[in-house]
Amino acid sequence: MAMTEARRNEIAYLYILAKIRREGVSSLNPNNIKRELGNSAKEVGITIEEAMEFTHNLVLPLIKEAFPMPKEENESEDVHIP
C-alpha cells in the first residue's frame, strides 16, 4: 500500500517536532534565526514568509508546552501538539 502525501507530511511534521524536543533550538537571536530561515527556504524552494509561518506554527506550541501558563477557568486550550 502506497503512503499518501498527507500521511507523509504528517510523519515529517511529527519527526521535526521530536527532533526539536530532543535537540532544542540552537539560537534565539532573531538575526540568526532569520538568516537560517532564509538559507533553508532558498535551499528547499519556498519563500521566507512560508518558512517563517511554518516555523512559527511549529515552535510556538513547543514553547507553550515547555512553559505552560496557568489556565483561567474559562480559557480554552488553543494549542494542539500531537
Protein backbone atom coordinates (compact mmCIF):
# COMPACT_ATOMS: atom_id res chain seq x y z
CA MET A 1 0.00 0.00 0.00
CA ALA A 2 1.48 3.36 -1.03
CA MET A 3 1.78 6.10 1.55
CA THR A 4 -0.41 9.14 0.88
CA GLU A 5 1.10 12.60 0.64
CA ALA A 6 -0.96 13.69 3.66
CA ARG A 7 0.46 10.85 5.77
CA ARG A 8 3.99 11.59 4.57
CA ASN A 9 3.52 15.25 5.58
CA GLU A 10 2.17 14.22 8.97
CA ILE A 11 5.17 11.96 9.59
CA ALA A 12 7.57 14.72 8.55
CA TYR A 13 5.90 17.18 10.93
CA LEU A 14 6.00 14.72 13.83
CA TYR A 15 9.64 13.91 13.06
CA ILE A 16 10.58 17.61 13.16
CA LEU A 17 8.68 18.09 16.46
CA ALA A 18 10.50 15.15 18.03
CA LYS A 19 13.88 16.40 16.76
CA ILE A 20 13.33 19.89 18.18
CA ARG A 21 12.13 18.46 21.51
CA ARG A 22 15.23 16.26 21.69
CA GLU A 23 17.87 18.70 20.41
CA GLY A 24 16.34 22.04 21.30
CA VAL A 25 16.80 25.33 19.48
CA SER A 26 20.39 26.42 18.88
CA SER A 27 19.81 30.18 18.97
CA LEU A 28 17.06 32.61 19.83
CA ASN A 29 18.92 35.51 18.25
CA PRO A 30 16.44 36.98 15.75
CA ASN A 31 19.16 37.77 13.18
CA ASN A 32 20.49 34.20 13.30
CA ILE A 33 17.00 32.74 13.05
CA LYS A 34 16.09 34.89 10.04
CA ARG A 35 19.37 34.06 8.32
CA GLU A 36 18.89 30.32 8.88
CA LEU A 37 15.26 30.51 7.74
CA GLY A 38 16.26 32.43 4.62
CA ASN A 39 19.00 29.94 3.76
CA SER A 40 16.73 26.95 4.38
CA ALA A 41 13.85 28.50 2.42
CA LYS A 42 16.11 29.10 -0.55
CA GLU A 43 17.51 25.57 -0.30
CA VAL A 44 14.09 23.90 -0.39
CA GLY A 45 12.48 26.36 -2.82
CA ILE A 46 9.95 28.18 -0.64
CA THR A 47 9.53 31.84 0.30
CA ILE A 48 10.96 33.26 3.51
CA GLU A 49 7.37 34.11 4.51
CA GLU A 50 6.34 30.46 4.19
CA ALA A 51 9.39 29.38 6.18
CA MET A 52 8.63 31.91 8.92
CA GLU A 53 4.96 30.92 9.13
CA PHE A 54 5.82 27.21 9.23
CA THR A 55 8.47 27.76 11.91
CA HIS A 56 6.14 29.95 13.97
CA ASN A 57 3.40 27.32 13.82
CA LEU A 58 5.91 24.63 14.77
CA VAL A 59 7.87 26.33 17.55
CA LEU A 60 5.17 28.34 19.35
CA PRO A 61 3.30 25.23 20.57
CA LEU A 62 6.60 23.74 21.76
CA ILE A 63 7.35 26.90 23.75
CA LYS A 64 3.87 26.79 25.27
CA GLU A 65 4.43 23.11 26.07
CA ALA A 66 7.75 23.88 27.77
CA PHE A 67 6.43 26.93 29.65
CA PRO A 68 2.75 26.30 30.36
CA MET A 69 0.76 29.17 31.78
CA PRO A 70 -1.90 28.52 34.40
CA LYS A 71 -5.26 28.23 32.66
CA GLU A 72 -8.02 30.61 33.54
CA GLU A 73 -11.30 28.99 34.49
CA ASN A 74 -13.00 29.91 31.17
CA GLU A 75 -9.91 29.75 28.96
CA SER A 76 -9.92 27.14 26.22
CA GLU A 77 -6.85 25.22 25.06
CA ASP A 78 -5.84 26.67 21.69
CA VAL A 79 -2.59 24.78 21.14
CA HIS A 80 -2.58 21.19 19.99
CA ILE A 81 0.66 19.23 19.92
CA PRO A 82 0.46 15.71 18.57
